[in-house]
């Protein structure tokens, strides 16, 4: 197959479903075409469309080849910032720009690839490209991530997440000022009705979602907030803040370029969402002792924080009265 195939919709194909027309144009089966669509290999007029999209005369269809996944995730010697490690699990400070596990379009350079090399595992099982993964962080979100070293530990920690026994603290830099210095955001979240890669509070099918917040400081058209997600919906913090009209600085998916145009250059040009998984509290999967682990801020966020006229704590002291996760 060539690197890219292009087709123009003629009058005899106008009005047909995308999958049916493309199967005809490519001389392929509908199941193969649906696989290409599901893996984002097909665009109509530059946009990803569903299989049932009705074509119009003159539509331009582009098809790129599907990259078959490797049989297994393979080890790669990549640097990892280890916050904690014992014989059962580890906590890493994931850098921005690093994907957690292999997936279409990103088979190398992930946390899983690095863990396989660090722990001497030769390769992941062919039916599991997420060995040890308990939860995820978005590619451009930095911060603390737990990973298990064996299936039993993975199951035990995953159970804590499912039972909402894990408490998480994120720090976000957002546009504007929230109406109240602290509060709760109760907005259900589901797949965006027209863009399957995004989430929305206006989805046809959604699930309850709750985020608590506390404002740390306000200046230069932005606010620094602590976020405490009580549920774990995809993109929850990003979606909730955007729904309030205060998207996270640098989040072009949920904020859009226009929302950042009036900010100082150091904020306007920040290259990713300014969101960091600062801390996590849970019980050790074997000893059951409570643990709270903190992830230092990455260099890019520290640089932005240095321009703000208020203090951003660097090394918190955790105790019964001052642990923000207990609020």
Foldseek 3Di string as FASTA:
>chain_A
DDQKDKDFDAPVQAFAFQLVVVCVVVVHDSVVSQVQLVLVQKDWQNHRDHRRDGHHHGIMMMGGDWDDADLWQAADQDDWAWQDDDPWKTKTWFAAQAFAWDDGPRRDRHVLNNVCVVVVPGTGHSVDRRAQAQDGDPRGATEIGMGTDDPLSSVLSNVCQVVLVKKWKKKFKWFADDPDQKDKQWAWKDADPGDRVDIESPDPDTDIWMKIKGWDDDDQRITIMMIITSHDDVCVVQHRCLVSVIGTQQDCPSQNLVSLVSGPPLRSVLNHGRMYGAKMWHARSPPRHIDITGHFDDPSNVVVQVPDPDDDDGDDDDDPVPHPSVD
